[in-house]
N, C-alpha and C. Protein backbone atom coordinates (compact mmCIF):
# COMPACT_ATOMS: atom_id res chain seq x y z
N MET A 1 16.14 -15.10 6.19
CA MET A 1 14.81 -15.42 5.69
C MET A 1 14.71 -16.93 5.52
N PRO A 2 13.67 -17.57 6.02
CA PRO A 2 13.48 -19.00 5.80
C PRO A 2 13.32 -19.30 4.31
N PRO A 3 13.81 -20.44 3.83
CA PRO A 3 13.75 -20.74 2.41
C PRO A 3 12.35 -20.77 1.82
N SER A 4 11.35 -21.09 2.63
CA SER A 4 9.99 -21.20 2.10
C SER A 4 9.22 -19.87 2.12
N GLU A 5 9.83 -18.82 2.61
CA GLU A 5 9.14 -17.54 2.70
C GLU A 5 9.09 -16.88 1.33
N LEU A 6 7.89 -16.45 0.93
CA LEU A 6 7.73 -15.77 -0.35
C LEU A 6 7.69 -14.27 -0.11
N VAL A 7 8.26 -13.53 -1.05
CA VAL A 7 8.34 -12.08 -0.90
C VAL A 7 7.71 -11.40 -2.11
N SER A 8 7.41 -10.12 -1.95
CA SER A 8 6.81 -9.32 -3.01
C SER A 8 7.85 -8.99 -4.08
N THR A 9 7.38 -8.47 -5.20
CA THR A 9 8.28 -8.10 -6.29
C THR A 9 9.29 -7.03 -5.86
N PRO A 10 8.88 -5.96 -5.16
CA PRO A 10 9.89 -4.98 -4.75
C PRO A 10 10.97 -5.58 -3.85
N GLU A 11 10.57 -6.47 -2.94
CA GLU A 11 11.56 -7.12 -2.06
C GLU A 11 12.49 -8.02 -2.85
N ALA A 12 11.93 -8.78 -3.78
CA ALA A 12 12.74 -9.68 -4.61
C ALA A 12 13.71 -8.88 -5.47
N ALA A 13 13.23 -7.81 -6.07
CA ALA A 13 14.08 -6.97 -6.92
C ALA A 13 15.22 -6.37 -6.11
N ARG A 14 14.92 -5.92 -4.92
CA ARG A 14 15.94 -5.33 -4.05
C ARG A 14 17.03 -6.36 -3.74
N SER A 15 16.63 -7.60 -3.52
CA SER A 15 17.61 -8.63 -3.19
C SER A 15 18.52 -8.95 -4.39
N LEU A 16 18.03 -8.68 -5.61
CA LEU A 16 18.84 -8.91 -6.81
C LEU A 16 19.63 -7.69 -7.23
N GLY A 17 19.26 -6.53 -6.67
CA GLY A 17 19.93 -5.29 -7.06
C GLY A 17 19.39 -4.71 -8.36
N VAL A 18 18.11 -5.00 -8.65
CA VAL A 18 17.47 -4.44 -9.83
C VAL A 18 16.19 -3.74 -9.38
N SER A 19 15.57 -3.02 -10.30
CA SER A 19 14.31 -2.36 -9.95
C SER A 19 13.16 -3.34 -10.09
N ALA A 20 12.05 -3.01 -9.45
CA ALA A 20 10.86 -3.85 -9.55
C ALA A 20 10.38 -3.90 -11.00
N ARG A 21 10.50 -2.79 -11.71
CA ARG A 21 10.09 -2.75 -13.12
C ARG A 21 10.94 -3.70 -13.96
N THR A 22 12.23 -3.78 -13.64
CA THR A 22 13.10 -4.70 -14.36
C THR A 22 12.67 -6.14 -14.12
N LEU A 23 12.37 -6.47 -12.88
CA LEU A 23 11.93 -7.82 -12.55
C LEU A 23 10.61 -8.13 -13.26
N GLN A 24 9.70 -7.18 -13.31
CA GLN A 24 8.44 -7.37 -14.02
C GLN A 24 8.68 -7.58 -15.52
N ARG A 25 9.65 -6.87 -16.06
CA ARG A 25 10.01 -7.04 -17.47
C ARG A 25 10.58 -8.43 -17.72
N TYR A 26 11.39 -8.93 -16.77
CA TYR A 26 11.92 -10.29 -16.88
C TYR A 26 10.79 -11.31 -16.96
N VAL A 27 9.74 -11.10 -16.17
CA VAL A 27 8.58 -12.01 -16.20
C VAL A 27 7.92 -11.92 -17.57
N ARG A 28 7.66 -10.73 -18.02
CA ARG A 28 6.99 -10.52 -19.31
C ARG A 28 7.79 -11.15 -20.46
N ASP A 29 9.12 -11.06 -20.38
CA ASP A 29 9.98 -11.59 -21.45
C ASP A 29 10.28 -13.08 -21.29
N GLY A 30 9.75 -13.70 -20.22
CA GLY A 30 9.94 -15.13 -20.02
C GLY A 30 11.29 -15.52 -19.44
N VAL A 31 12.01 -14.55 -18.89
CA VAL A 31 13.33 -14.81 -18.30
C VAL A 31 13.18 -15.51 -16.95
N VAL A 32 12.19 -15.12 -16.18
CA VAL A 32 11.95 -15.71 -14.86
C VAL A 32 10.46 -15.99 -14.70
N THR A 33 10.15 -16.88 -13.77
CA THR A 33 8.77 -17.23 -13.46
C THR A 33 8.57 -17.06 -11.96
N PRO A 34 7.56 -16.28 -11.54
CA PRO A 34 7.32 -16.13 -10.11
C PRO A 34 6.83 -17.44 -9.50
N GLU A 35 7.02 -17.56 -8.20
CA GLU A 35 6.56 -18.76 -7.49
C GLU A 35 5.04 -18.87 -7.59
N ILE A 36 4.34 -17.76 -7.33
CA ILE A 36 2.89 -17.73 -7.49
C ILE A 36 2.49 -16.36 -8.02
N THR A 37 1.33 -16.33 -8.66
CA THR A 37 0.70 -15.08 -9.07
C THR A 37 -0.62 -15.00 -8.33
N LEU A 38 -0.79 -13.96 -7.56
CA LEU A 38 -2.01 -13.78 -6.77
C LEU A 38 -3.17 -13.41 -7.69
N PRO A 39 -4.41 -13.60 -7.25
CA PRO A 39 -5.57 -13.20 -8.05
C PRO A 39 -5.52 -11.73 -8.47
N SER A 40 -4.85 -10.90 -7.68
CA SER A 40 -4.73 -9.48 -8.00
C SER A 40 -3.71 -9.22 -9.11
N GLY A 41 -2.96 -10.27 -9.50
CA GLY A 41 -1.93 -10.10 -10.53
C GLY A 41 -0.54 -9.86 -9.96
N GLN A 42 -0.46 -9.67 -8.64
CA GLN A 42 0.85 -9.47 -8.01
C GLN A 42 1.59 -10.80 -7.92
N TYR A 43 2.92 -10.71 -7.95
CA TYR A 43 3.75 -11.90 -7.89
C TYR A 43 4.31 -12.09 -6.49
N ARG A 44 4.61 -13.33 -6.16
CA ARG A 44 5.34 -13.67 -4.94
C ARG A 44 6.51 -14.56 -5.36
N TRP A 45 7.65 -14.32 -4.71
CA TRP A 45 8.91 -14.91 -5.12
C TRP A 45 9.59 -15.68 -4.02
N ASP A 46 10.19 -16.80 -4.37
CA ASP A 46 11.13 -17.52 -3.52
C ASP A 46 12.50 -17.03 -3.99
N ILE A 47 13.21 -16.30 -3.15
CA ILE A 47 14.45 -15.65 -3.55
C ILE A 47 15.49 -16.65 -4.06
N ALA A 48 15.65 -17.78 -3.37
CA ALA A 48 16.66 -18.76 -3.80
C ALA A 48 16.34 -19.27 -5.20
N LYS A 49 15.08 -19.58 -5.46
CA LYS A 49 14.69 -20.07 -6.79
C LYS A 49 14.86 -18.98 -7.84
N LEU A 50 14.53 -17.76 -7.49
CA LEU A 50 14.68 -16.64 -8.42
C LEU A 50 16.14 -16.45 -8.80
N ARG A 51 17.02 -16.48 -7.81
CA ARG A 51 18.46 -16.33 -8.07
C ARG A 51 18.97 -17.44 -9.00
N ARG A 52 18.49 -18.66 -8.81
CA ARG A 52 18.90 -19.77 -9.69
C ARG A 52 18.39 -19.55 -11.11
N GLN A 53 17.17 -19.01 -11.24
CA GLN A 53 16.60 -18.78 -12.57
C GLN A 53 17.46 -17.83 -13.40
N ILE A 54 18.09 -16.87 -12.74
CA ILE A 54 18.90 -15.91 -13.50
C ILE A 54 20.39 -16.21 -13.42
N GLY A 55 20.73 -17.37 -12.83
CA GLY A 55 22.12 -17.79 -12.83
C GLY A 55 22.99 -17.16 -11.75
N MET A 56 22.35 -16.65 -10.70
CA MET A 56 23.11 -16.08 -9.58
C MET A 56 23.28 -17.14 -8.51
N PRO A 57 24.42 -17.13 -7.80
CA PRO A 57 24.59 -18.09 -6.69
C PRO A 57 23.61 -17.77 -5.56
N ASP A 58 23.21 -18.80 -4.82
CA ASP A 58 22.36 -18.58 -3.65
C ASP A 58 23.08 -17.69 -2.66
N ASP A 59 22.32 -16.84 -1.99
CA ASP A 59 22.87 -15.88 -1.04
C ASP A 59 22.79 -16.46 0.36
N ASP A 60 23.64 -17.46 0.67
CA ASP A 60 23.60 -18.12 1.98
C ASP A 60 24.40 -17.40 3.01
């Protein structure tokens, strides 16, 4: 995946090995911040940035 490609919450959660609900809970609790929030309320994620936010090494 190119570094600038943004993915949906289910895709981002899958890459971390957690459920989409867990990732949404992380947002609600202020643990992580999505790259963008669409007008519909859905999030888009940069996987490398997300992994850094939670202290995981980049998946190169």
